[in-house]
Amino acid sequence: MSASTIASEIGALAPRRRRRAPPSTYLAVAACVAIMAIMAAPLMFSFFASIETATEASSAPHYLPQSFSLQNYLKVAGYQAGLATYVGNSTLVALMTIVACIALAAPAGYGLARFSTYGKEIAFLILLAPMMIPYQALLTPLYLDFAKFGLVDSRIGLAIIHTILQLPFSVYLMRNAFEAIPREIEEAAMIDGCTALRRLAYIFVPLAVPALVTVALFAFIASWNEFLGALVFMNRESSFTMPILLVSVRTGDHGAVDWGALQASIVLSIIPCLVVYLALQRYYISGLLSGAVK
């Protein structure tokens, strides 16, 4: 073996120098960090205010807590019906909303994506039309109709309201997801004698799991944070959800705003949404991109 060959092999085995990232990369990272800090700052300030005493939280604003106290969280936990009641109501309504949205949006999206029927696009536009109507304008007639069927002050009735609000977007998302699935898979199943419902259950639904998770995530967050419908349709303290707690617990002595308890309830209401989002974020991102690239 010649000296030149040995030298070339040694050079190949030597560690390669890392390329330095271009300045634009560092600028992009710095911009992302700055945006994250700006978005996280209100959450941090709310948390700091929640662990102060009620007097300090209501005094002149300051960025860091002057003392540590859990009295705000204790007040929220023992407020009237109890924190567990409000959390349980919100969780139950959100779960019913998720089930209803998936059960209705999956077949509707499948039919709009895979069946060639006359007027399909018009029907799809009609399904999306409610997104352009402020639902606050519909609360009064909905309340009158729900009162006839005994759905006022009912968790089922509130779940129906949340489903109505979230269903158009859910159908839109599921339609795009089903359209992105190759038609060759469906044709192979049809040759094997698979019916339309079996194709939906055994082929399309497993392939569209990211879109289904995205529908569930949006339905959960929308239902958990919805305030006006819960305020109008729920009359008993034991039926209130977390957004109603935020309004009720803020009242302090002599009508003043109890900022400490309010910030503590805000922190508690954010935690479930944050946990669910972090647990499902990889499905959420791929679900939003379903159908974007053919």
C-alpha atoms as a PDB file:
ATOM      1  CA  MET A   1       0.000   0.000   0.000  1.00  0.00           C
ATOM      2  CA  SER A   2       1.457   3.336  -1.035  1.00  0.00           C
ATOM      3  CA  ALA A   3       1.996   6.259   1.279  1.00  0.00           C
ATOM      4  CA  SER A   4      -0.553   8.361  -0.606  1.00  0.00           C
ATOM      5  CA  THR A   5      -3.250   5.694  -0.138  1.00  0.00           C
ATOM      6  CA  ILE A   6      -2.545   5.464   3.586  1.00  0.00           C
ATOM      7  CA  ALA A   7      -2.683   9.242   3.889  1.00  0.00           C
ATOM      8  CA  SER A   8      -6.026   9.398   2.066  1.00  0.00           C
ATOM      9  CA  GLU A   9      -7.516   6.696   4.312  1.00  0.00           C
ATOM     10  CA  ILE A  10      -6.305   8.504   7.431  1.00  0.00           C
ATOM     11  CA  GLY A  11      -7.813  11.703   6.118  1.00  0.00           C
ATOM     12  CA  ALA A  12     -11.124   9.942   5.517  1.00  0.00           C
ATOM     13  CA  LEU A  13     -11.160   8.607   9.091  1.00  0.00           C
ATOM     14  CA  ALA A  14     -10.338  11.971  10.618  1.00  0.00           C
ATOM     15  CA  PRO A  15     -13.327  13.781  12.121  1.00  0.00           C
ATOM     16  CA  ARG A  16     -14.895  16.273   9.797  1.00  0.00           C
ATOM     17  CA  ARG A  17     -15.132  19.863  10.856  1.00  0.00           C
ATOM     18  CA  ARG A  18     -18.632  21.018  11.540  1.00  0.00           C
ATOM     19  CA  ARG A  19     -20.027  23.632   9.283  1.00  0.00           C
ATOM     20  CA  ARG A  20     -20.876  26.822  10.991  1.00  0.00           C
ATOM     21  CA  ALA A  21     -24.505  27.742  10.731  1.00  0.00           C
ATOM     22  CA  PRO A  22     -25.206  30.853   8.673  1.00  0.00           C
ATOM     23  CA  PRO A  23     -26.110  34.042  10.562  1.00  0.00           C
ATOM     24  CA  SER A  24     -29.706  33.774   9.360  1.00  0.00           C
ATOM     25  CA  THR A  25     -30.107  30.590  11.424  1.00  0.00           C
ATOM     26  CA  TYR A  26     -29.080  32.357  14.627  1.00  0.00           C
ATOM     27  CA  LEU A  27     -31.413  35.245  13.810  1.00  0.00           C
ATOM     28  CA  ALA A  28     -34.303  32.828  13.269  1.00  0.00           C
ATOM     29  CA  VAL A  29     -33.590  31.063  16.581  1.00  0.00           C
ATOM     30  CA  ALA A  30     -33.368  34.396  18.397  1.00  0.00           C
ATOM     31  CA  ALA A  31     -36.663  35.520  16.863  1.00  0.00           C
ATOM     32  CA  CYS A  32     -38.360  32.253  17.920  1.00  0.00           C
ATOM     33  CA  VAL A  33     -37.051  32.603  21.475  1.00  0.00           C
ATOM     34  CA  ALA A  34     -38.269  36.212  21.625  1.00  0.00           C
ATOM     35  CA  ILE A  35     -41.740  35.237  20.389  1.00  0.00           C
ATOM     36  CA  MET A  36     -41.920  32.385  22.901  1.00  0.00           C
ATOM     37  CA  ALA A  37     -40.923  34.735  25.712  1.00  0.00           C
ATOM     38  CA  ILE A  38     -43.570  37.287  24.706  1.00  0.00           C
ATOM     39  CA  MET A  39     -46.285  34.622  24.580  1.00  0.00           C
ATOM     40  CA  ALA A  40     -45.210  32.950  27.830  1.00  0.00           C
ATOM     41  CA  ALA A  41     -44.861  36.209  29.797  1.00  0.00           C
ATOM     42  CA  PRO A  42     -48.606  36.646  30.583  1.00  0.00           C
ATOM     43  CA  LEU A  43     -48.794  33.047  31.797  1.00  0.00           C
ATOM     44  CA  MET A  44     -45.803  33.530  34.069  1.00  0.00           C
ATOM     45  CA  PHE A  45     -47.188  36.779  35.479  1.00  0.00           C
ATOM     46  CA  SER A  46     -50.538  35.061  36.146  1.00  0.00           C
ATOM     47  CA  PHE A  47     -48.769  32.252  37.979  1.00  0.00           C
ATOM     48  CA  PHE A  48     -46.684  34.675  40.054  1.00  0.00           C
ATOM     49  CA  ALA A  49     -49.810  36.636  41.012  1.00  0.00           C
ATOM     50  CA  SER A  50     -51.626  33.433  41.939  1.00  0.00           C
ATOM     51  CA  ILE A  51     -49.033  32.447  44.571  1.00  0.00           C
ATOM     52  CA  GLU A  52     -49.130  35.815  46.331  1.00  0.00           C
ATOM     53  CA  THR A  53     -51.490  36.816  49.083  1.00  0.00           C
ATOM     54  CA  ALA A  54     -54.760  38.400  48.024  1.00  0.00           C
ATOM     55  CA  THR A  55     -53.636  41.791  49.308  1.00  0.00           C
ATOM     56  CA  GLU A  56     -50.365  41.760  47.393  1.00  0.00           C
ATOM     57  CA  ALA A  57     -52.018  40.506  44.203  1.00  0.00           C
ATOM     58  CA  SER A  58     -54.482  43.398  44.333  1.00  0.00           C
ATOM     59  CA  SER A  59     -51.861  46.040  45.134  1.00  0.00           C
ATOM     60  CA  ALA A  60     -49.636  47.929  42.714  1.00  0.00           C
ATOM     61  CA  PRO A  61     -48.466  45.616  39.905  1.00  0.00           C
ATOM     62  CA  HIS A  62     -45.042  44.019  40.201  1.00  0.00           C
ATOM     63  CA  TYR A  63     -43.390  41.295  38.180  1.00  0.00           C
ATOM     64  CA  LEU A  64     -42.016  38.944  40.847  1.00  0.00           C
ATOM     65  CA  PRO A  65     -43.950  37.708  43.912  1.00  0.00           C
ATOM     66  CA  GLN A  66     -43.060  39.402  47.192  1.00  0.00           C
ATOM     67  CA  SER A  67     -44.150  36.396  49.250  1.00  0.00           C
ATOM     68  CA  PHE A  68     -45.433  32.871  48.770  1.00  0.00           C
ATOM     69  CA  SER A  69     -48.979  31.828  49.635  1.00  0.00           C
ATOM     70  CA  LEU A  70     -51.500  29.202  48.503  1.00  0.00           C
ATOM     71  CA  GLN A  71     -54.552  30.983  49.895  1.00  0.00           C
ATOM     72  CA  ASN A  72     -55.773  31.876  46.389  1.00  0.00           C
ATOM     73  CA  TYR A  73     -55.755  28.226  45.311  1.00  0.00           C
ATOM     74  CA  LEU A  74     -57.455  27.212  48.556  1.00  0.00           C
ATOM     75  CA  LYS A  75     -60.189  29.762  47.937  1.00  0.00           C
ATOM     76  CA  VAL A  76     -60.736  28.470  44.398  1.00  0.00           C
ATOM     77  CA  ALA A  77     -60.716  24.839  45.559  1.00  0.00           C
ATOM     78  CA  GLY A  78     -63.398  25.479  48.193  1.00  0.00           C
ATOM     79  CA  TYR A  79     -65.457  28.045  46.326  1.00  0.00           C
ATOM     80  CA  GLN A  80     -69.214  27.301  46.658  1.00  0.00           C
ATOM     81  CA  ALA A  81     -69.826  24.013  44.802  1.00  0.00           C
ATOM     82  CA  GLY A  82     -66.120  23.140  44.883  1.00  0.00           C
ATOM     83  CA  LEU A  83     -63.445  23.044  42.220  1.00  0.00           C
ATOM     84  CA  ALA A  84     -64.017  19.328  41.562  1.00  0.00           C
ATOM     85  CA  THR A  85     -67.619  20.062  40.552  1.00  0.00           C
ATOM     86  CA  TYR A  86     -66.643  22.722  38.011  1.00  0.00           C
ATOM     87  CA  VAL A  87     -63.818  20.623  36.587  1.00  0.00           C
ATOM     88  CA  GLY A  88     -66.068  17.568  36.407  1.00  0.00           C
ATOM     89  CA  ASN A  89     -68.786  19.488  34.556  1.00  0.00           C
ATOM     90  CA  SER A  90     -66.320  20.924  32.040  1.00  0.00           C
ATOM     91  CA  THR A  91     -64.679  17.541  31.506  1.00  0.00           C
ATOM     92  CA  LEU A  92     -67.974  15.725  31.005  1.00  0.00           C
ATOM     93  CA  VAL A  93     -69.298  18.318  28.561  1.00  0.00           C
ATOM     94  CA  ALA A  94     -65.995  18.338  26.654  1.00  0.00           C
ATOM     95  CA  LEU A  95     -65.944  14.535  26.372  1.00  0.00           C
ATOM     96  CA  MET A  96     -69.521  14.440  25.072  1.00  0.00           C
ATOM     97  CA  THR A  97     -68.637  17.168  22.574  1.00  0.00           C
ATOM     98  CA  ILE A  98     -65.605  15.191  21.358  1.00  0.00           C
ATOM     99  CA  VAL A  99     -67.609  11.997  20.894  1.00  0.00           C
ATOM    100  CA  ALA A 100     -70.416  13.814  19.063  1.00  0.00           C
ATOM    101  CA  CYS A 101     -68.031  15.719  16.775  1.00  0.00           C
ATOM    102  CA  ILE A 102     -66.101  12.589  15.780  1.00  0.00           C
ATOM    103  CA  ALA A 103     -69.255  10.487  15.360  1.00  0.00           C
ATOM    104  CA  LEU A 104     -70.829  13.087  13.051  1.00  0.00           C
ATOM    105  CA  ALA A 105     -67.798  14.573  11.284  1.00  0.00           C
ATOM    106  CA  ALA A 106     -66.167  11.277  10.244  1.00  0.00           C
ATOM    107  CA  PRO A 107     -69.124   9.892   8.219  1.00  0.00           C
ATOM    108  CA  ALA A 108     -69.945  13.351   6.841  1.00  0.00           C
ATOM    109  CA  GLY A 109     -66.355  13.965   5.754  1.00  0.00           C
ATOM    110  CA  TYR A 110     -66.158  10.476   4.260  1.00  0.00           C
ATOM    111  CA  GLY A 111     -69.303  10.980   2.216  1.00  0.00           C
ATOM    112  CA  LEU A 112     -68.236  14.403   0.977  1.00  0.00           C
ATOM    113  CA  ALA A 113     -64.763  13.148   0.049  1.00  0.00           C
ATOM    114  CA  ARG A 114     -65.540   9.786  -1.565  1.00  0.00           C
ATOM    115  CA  PHE A 115     -69.056   9.791  -3.012  1.00  0.00           C
ATOM    116  CA  SER A 116     -69.920  11.584  -6.242  1.00  0.00           C
ATOM    117  CA  THR A 117     -73.427  12.899  -5.746  1.00  0.00           C
ATOM    118  CA  TYR A 118     -75.298  15.782  -7.305  1.00  0.00           C
ATOM    119  CA  GLY A 119     -75.035  18.963  -5.260  1.00  0.00           C
ATOM    120  CA  LYS A 120     -72.248  17.680  -3.016  1.00  0.00           C
ATOM    121  CA  GLU A 121     -70.281  20.926  -3.126  1.00  0.00           C
ATOM    122  CA  ILE A 122     -73.405  22.955  -2.375  1.00  0.00           C
ATOM    123  CA  ALA A 123     -74.127  20.757   0.635  1.00  0.00           C
ATOM    124  CA  PHE A 124     -70.559  21.233   1.794  1.00  0.00           C
ATOM    125  CA  LEU A 125     -70.896  25.021   1.570  1.00  0.00           C
ATOM    126  CA  ILE A 126     -74.154  24.864   3.509  1.00  0.00           C
ATOM    127  CA  LEU A 127     -72.383  22.875   6.231  1.00  0.00           C
ATOM    128  CA  LEU A 128     -69.682  25.557   6.427  1.00  0.00           C
ATOM    129  CA  ALA A 129     -72.135  28.467   6.396  1.00  0.00           C
ATOM    130  CA  PRO A 130     -72.763  28.434  10.195  1.00  0.00           C
ATOM    131  CA  MET A 131     -69.113  29.404  10.690  1.00  0.00           C
ATOM    132  CA  MET A 132     -69.989  32.832   9.277  1.00  0.00           C
ATOM    133  CA  ILE A 133     -72.935  33.395  11.636  1.00  0.00           C
ATOM    134  CA  PRO A 134     -72.211  34.693  15.177  1.00  0.00           C
ATOM    135  CA  TYR A 135     -73.629  32.010  17.402  1.00  0.00           C
ATOM    136  CA  GLN A 136     -74.545  34.654  20.008  1.00  0.00           C
ATOM    137  CA  ALA A 137     -77.413  35.609  17.685  1.00  0.00           C
ATOM    138  CA  LEU A 138     -78.775  32.052  17.932  1.00  0.00           C
ATOM    139  CA  LEU A 139     -78.695  31.677  21.705  1.00  0.00           C
ATOM    140  CA  THR A 140     -82.182  33.081  22.323  1.00  0.00           C
ATOM    141  CA  PRO A 141     -84.064  30.804  19.867  1.00  0.00           C
ATOM    142  CA  LEU A 142     -81.904  27.859  20.938  1.00  0.00           C
ATOM    143  CA  TYR A 143     -82.740  28.540  24.575  1.00  0.00           C
ATOM    144  CA  LEU A 144     -86.477  28.589  23.803  1.00  0.00           C
ATOM    145  CA  ASP A 145     -86.247  25.339  21.834  1.00  0.00           C
ATOM    146  CA  PHE A 146     -84.094  23.619  24.454  1.00  0.00           C
ATOM    147  CA  ALA A 147     -86.515  24.680  27.196  1.00  0.00           C
ATOM    148  CA  LYS A 148     -89.303  22.749  25.437  1.00  0.00           C
ATOM    149  CA  PHE A 149     -87.237  19.557  25.483  1.00  0.00           C
ATOM    150  CA  GLY A 150     -85.886  19.960  29.016  1.00  0.00           C
ATOM    151  CA  LEU A 151     -82.297  20.546  27.882  1.00  0.00           C
ATOM    152  CA  VAL A 152     -81.807  23.854  29.710  1.00  0.00           C
ATOM    153  CA  ASP A 153     -79.476  23.525  32.708  1.00  0.00           C
ATOM    154  CA  SER A 154     -78.376  20.173  31.293  1.00  0.00           C
ATOM    155  CA  ARG A 155     -74.861  19.010  30.482  1.00  0.00           C
ATOM    156  CA  ILE A 156     -76.215  17.187  27.440  1.00  0.00           C
ATOM    157  CA  GLY A 157     -77.814  20.379  26.174  1.00  0.00           C
ATOM    158  CA  LEU A 158     -74.578  22.324  26.640  1.00  0.00           C
ATOM    159  CA  ALA A 159     -72.655  19.568  24.821  1.00  0.00           C
ATOM    160  CA  ILE A 160     -75.104  19.865  21.920  1.00  0.00           C
ATOM    161  CA  ILE A 161     -74.428  23.620  21.757  1.00  0.00           C
ATOM    162  CA  HIS A 162     -70.672  23.050  21.701  1.00  0.00           C
ATOM    163  CA  THR A 163     -71.062  20.362  19.034  1.00  0.00           C
ATOM    164  CA  ILE A 164     -73.069  22.741  16.844  1.00  0.00           C
ATOM    165  CA  LEU A 165     -70.315  25.332  17.159  1.00  0.00           C
ATOM    166  CA  GLN A 166     -67.470  22.939  16.365  1.00  0.00           C
ATOM    167  CA  LEU A 167     -69.049  20.615  13.783  1.00  0.00           C
ATOM    168  CA  PRO A 168     -68.516  22.703  10.581  1.00  0.00           C
ATOM    169  CA  PHE A 169     -64.767  22.922  11.132  1.00  0.00           C
ATOM    170  CA  SER A 170     -64.630  19.226  12.070  1.00  0.00           C
ATOM    171  CA  VAL A 171     -66.374  18.219   8.845  1.00  0.00           C
ATOM    172  CA  TYR A 172     -64.043  20.439   6.830  1.00  0.00           C
ATOM    173  CA  LEU A 173     -60.984  18.866   8.448  1.00  0.00           C
ATOM    174  CA  MET A 174     -62.191  15.281   8.016  1.00  0.00           C
ATOM    175  CA  ARG A 175     -63.108  15.858   4.375  1.00  0.00           C
ATOM    176  CA  ASN A 176     -59.592  17.071   3.596  1.00  0.00           C
ATOM    177  CA  ALA A 177     -58.058  14.150   5.476  1.00  0.00           C
ATOM    178  CA  PHE A 178     -60.122  11.538   3.631  1.00  0.00           C
ATOM    179  CA  GLU A 179     -59.431  13.146   0.255  1.00  0.00           C
ATOM    180  CA  ALA A 180     -55.681  12.788   0.884  1.00  0.00           C
ATOM    181  CA  ILE A 181     -55.946   8.983   1.187  1.00  0.00           C
ATOM    182  CA  PRO A 182     -55.021   7.276  -2.143  1.00  0.00           C
ATOM    183  CA  ARG A 183     -57.993   5.974  -4.068  1.00  0.00           C
ATOM    184  CA  GLU A 184     -56.105   2.779  -4.941  1.00  0.00           C
ATOM    185  CA  ILE A 185     -56.519   1.619  -1.340  1.00  0.00           C
ATOM    186  CA  GLU A 186     -60.274   2.102  -1.529  1.00  0.00           C
ATOM    187  CA  GLU A 187     -60.493   0.401  -4.936  1.00  0.00           C
ATOM    188  CA  ALA A 188     -58.607  -2.631  -3.631  1.00  0.00           C
ATOM    189  CA  ALA A 189     -61.058  -2.896  -0.739  1.00  0.00           C
ATOM    190  CA  MET A 190     -64.025  -2.601  -3.121  1.00  0.00           C
ATOM    191  CA  ILE A 191     -62.656  -5.436  -5.239  1.00  0.00           C
ATOM    192  CA  ASP A 192     -62.500  -7.579  -2.090  1.00  0.00           C
ATOM    193  CA  GLY A 193     -66.200  -6.853  -1.488  1.00  0.00           C
ATOM    194  CA  CYS A 194     -65.814  -4.364   1.343  1.00  0.00           C
ATOM    195  CA  THR A 195     -68.904  -2.220   1.892  1.00  0.00           C
ATOM    196  CA  ALA A 196     -68.824   1.543   2.336  1.00  0.00           C
ATOM    197  CA  LEU A 197     -69.253   1.381   6.110  1.00  0.00           C
ATOM    198  CA  ARG A 198     -66.561  -1.266   6.468  1.00  0.00           C
ATOM    199  CA  ARG A 199     -64.211   0.800   4.335  1.00  0.00           C
ATOM    200  CA  LEU A 200     -64.838   3.749   6.619  1.00  0.00           C
ATOM    201  CA  ALA A 201     -64.335   1.728   9.809  1.00  0.00           C
ATOM    202  CA  TYR A 202     -61.383  -0.463   8.819  1.00  0.00           C
ATOM    203  CA  ILE A 203     -59.496   1.607   6.231  1.00  0.00           C
ATOM    204  CA  PHE A 204     -60.224   5.322   6.371  1.00  0.00           C
ATOM    205  CA  VAL A 205     -60.548   5.834  10.121  1.00  0.00           C
ATOM    206  CA  PRO A 206     -57.211   4.106  10.970  1.00  0.00           C
ATOM    207  CA  LEU A 207     -55.461   6.093   8.227  1.00  0.00           C
ATOM    208  CA  ALA A 208     -57.006   9.378   9.406  1.00  0.00           C
ATOM    209  CA  VAL A 209     -56.094   9.079  13.099  1.00  0.00           C
ATOM    210  CA  PRO A 210     -54.123  12.384  13.089  1.00  0.00           C
ATOM    211  CA  ALA A 211     -57.162  14.226  11.720  1.00  0.00           C
ATOM    212  CA  LEU A 212     -59.451  12.572  14.278  1.00  0.00           C
ATOM    213  CA  VAL A 213     -57.112  13.563  17.101  1.00  0.00           C
ATOM    214  CA  THR A 214     -57.047  17.123  15.745  1.00  0.00           C
ATOM    215  CA  VAL A 215     -60.852  17.216  15.725  1.00  0.00           C
ATOM    216  CA  ALA A 216     -60.887  15.921  19.305  1.00  0.00           C
ATOM    217  CA  LEU A 217     -58.290  18.482  20.401  1.00  0.00           C
ATOM    218  CA  PHE A 218     -60.129  21.426  18.865  1.00  0.00           C
ATOM    219  CA  ALA A 219     -63.441  20.210  20.288  1.00  0.00           C
ATOM    220  CA  PHE A 220     -61.938  19.833  23.767  1.00  0.00           C
ATOM    221  CA  ILE A 221     -60.333  23.280  23.824  1.00  0.00           C
ATOM    222  CA  ALA A 222     -63.417  24.987  22.358  1.00  0.00           C
ATOM    223  CA  SER A 223     -65.752  23.272  24.823  1.00  0.00           C
ATOM    224  CA  TRP A 224     -63.481  23.805  27.827  1.00  0.00           C
ATOM    225  CA  ASN A 225     -63.129  27.549  27.176  1.00  0.00           C
ATOM    226  CA  GLU A 226     -66.663  28.330  25.959  1.00  0.00           C
ATOM    227  CA  PHE A 227     -68.292  30.865  28.262  1.00  0.00           C
ATOM    228  CA  LEU A 228     -71.426  32.504  26.860  1.00  0.00           C
ATOM    229  CA  GLY A 229     -73.361  29.298  26.145  1.00  0.00           C
ATOM    230  CA  ALA A 230     -72.621  27.943  29.621  1.00  0.00           C
ATOM    231  CA  LEU A 231     -73.648  31.261  31.179  1.00  0.00           C
ATOM    232  CA  VAL A 232     -76.992  31.322  29.341  1.00  0.00           C
ATOM    233  CA  PHE A 233     -77.996  27.658  29.548  1.00  0.00           C
ATOM    234  CA  MET A 234     -76.729  26.719  33.020  1.00  0.00           C
ATOM    235  CA  ASN A 235     -78.714  28.095  35.964  1.00  0.00           C
ATOM    236  CA  ARG A 236     -77.582  26.060  38.968  1.00  0.00           C
ATOM    237  CA  GLU A 237     -74.258  26.477  40.747  1.00  0.00           C
ATOM    238  CA  SER A 238     -73.696  22.723  40.632  1.00  0.00           C
ATOM    239  CA  SER A 239     -73.958  22.792  36.806  1.00  0.00           C
ATOM    240  CA  PHE A 240     -71.453  25.581  36.164  1.00  0.00           C
ATOM    241  CA  THR A 241     -68.270  24.962  34.178  1.00  0.00           C
ATOM    242  CA  MET A 242     -64.761  26.379  34.609  1.00  0.00           C
ATOM    243  CA  PRO A 243     -65.308  29.628  32.621  1.00  0.00           C
ATOM    244  CA  ILE A 244     -68.243  30.478  34.916  1.00  0.00           C
ATOM    245  CA  LEU A 245     -65.980  29.875  37.904  1.00  0.00           C
ATOM    246  CA  LEU A 246     -63.571  32.511  36.576  1.00  0.00           C
ATOM    247  CA  VAL A 247     -66.334  35.110  36.672  1.00  0.00           C
ATOM    248  CA  SER A 248     -67.754  34.047  40.025  1.00  0.00           C
ATOM    249  CA  VAL A 249     -64.526  33.723  42.003  1.00  0.00           C
ATOM    250  CA  ARG A 250     -63.193  37.146  41.015  1.00  0.00           C
ATOM    251  CA  THR A 251     -65.618  38.982  43.322  1.00  0.00           C
ATOM    252  CA  GLY A 252     -63.829  40.003  46.495  1.00  0.00           C
ATOM    253  CA  ASP A 253     -64.750  42.084  49.518  1.00  0.00           C
ATOM    254  CA  HIS A 254     -67.117  45.026  48.931  1.00  0.00           C
ATOM    255  CA  GLY A 255     -67.389  44.188  45.212  1.00  0.00           C
ATOM    256  CA  ALA A 256     -63.670  44.571  44.524  1.00  0.00           C
ATOM    257  CA  VAL A 257     -61.925  42.233  42.106  1.00  0.00           C
ATOM    258  CA  ASP A 258     -59.968  39.465  43.842  1.00  0.00           C
ATOM    259  CA  TRP A 259     -57.061  39.352  41.415  1.00  0.00           C
ATOM    260  CA  GLY A 260     -55.234  36.596  43.276  1.00  0.00           C
ATOM    261  CA  ALA A 261     -58.149  34.149  43.137  1.00  0.00           C
ATOM    262  CA  LEU A 262     -58.837  35.120  39.536  1.00  0.00           C
ATOM    263  CA  GLN A 263     -55.242  34.411  38.498  1.00  0.00           C
ATOM    264  CA  ALA A 264     -55.258  31.116  40.405  1.00  0.00           C
ATOM    265  CA  SER A 265     -58.418  29.971  38.625  1.00  0.00           C
ATOM    266  CA  ILE A 266     -56.903  31.016  35.283  1.00  0.00           C
ATOM    267  CA  VAL A 267     -53.819  28.876  35.953  1.00  0.00           C
ATOM    268  CA  LEU A 268     -55.973  25.901  36.929  1.00  0.00           C
ATOM    269  CA  SER A 269     -58.134  26.259  33.815  1.00  0.00           C
ATOM    270  CA  ILE A 270     -55.089  26.408  31.522  1.00  0.00           C
ATOM    271  CA  ILE A 271     -53.421  23.248  32.843  1.00  0.00           C
ATOM    272  CA  PRO A 272     -55.812  20.676  31.231  1.00  0.00           C
ATOM    273  CA  CYS A 273     -55.609  22.359  27.812  1.00  0.00           C
ATOM    274  CA  LEU A 274     -51.835  22.525  28.037  1.00  0.00           C
ATOM    275  CA  VAL A 275     -51.506  18.883  29.050  1.00  0.00           C
ATOM    276  CA  VAL A 276     -53.828  17.654  26.301  1.00  0.00           C
ATOM    277  CA  TYR A 277     -52.085  19.760  23.663  1.00  0.00           C
ATOM    278  CA  LEU A 278     -48.578  18.626  24.651  1.00  0.00           C
ATOM    279  CA  ALA A 279     -49.699  14.992  24.691  1.00  0.00           C
ATOM    280  CA  LEU A 280     -51.276  15.178  21.231  1.00  0.00           C
ATOM    281  CA  GLN A 281     -49.183  17.819  19.464  1.00  0.00           C
ATOM    282  CA  ARG A 282     -47.568  15.441  16.961  1.00  0.00           C
ATOM    283  CA  TYR A 283     -50.998  14.252  15.823  1.00  0.00           C
ATOM    284  CA  TYR A 284     -52.247  17.829  15.850  1.00  0.00           C
ATOM    285  CA  ILE A 285     -49.563  19.085  13.452  1.00  0.00           C
ATOM    286  CA  SER A 286     -49.923  16.191  11.003  1.00  0.00           C
ATOM    287  CA  GLY A 287     -53.714  16.410  11.233  1.00  0.00           C
ATOM    288  CA  LEU A 288     -53.760  20.071  10.241  1.00  0.00           C
ATOM    289  CA  LEU A 289     -51.586  19.238   7.219  1.00  0.00           C
ATOM    290  CA  SER A 290     -53.859  16.404   6.073  1.00  0.00           C
ATOM    291  CA  GLY A 291     -54.868  17.071   2.502  1.00  0.00           C
ATOM    292  CA  ALA A 292     -52.473  20.007   2.097  1.00  0.00           C
ATOM    293  CA  VAL A 293     -50.144  18.062  -0.226  1.00  0.00           C
ATOM    294  CA  LYS A 294     -51.502  15.745  -2.869  1.00  0.00           C
END
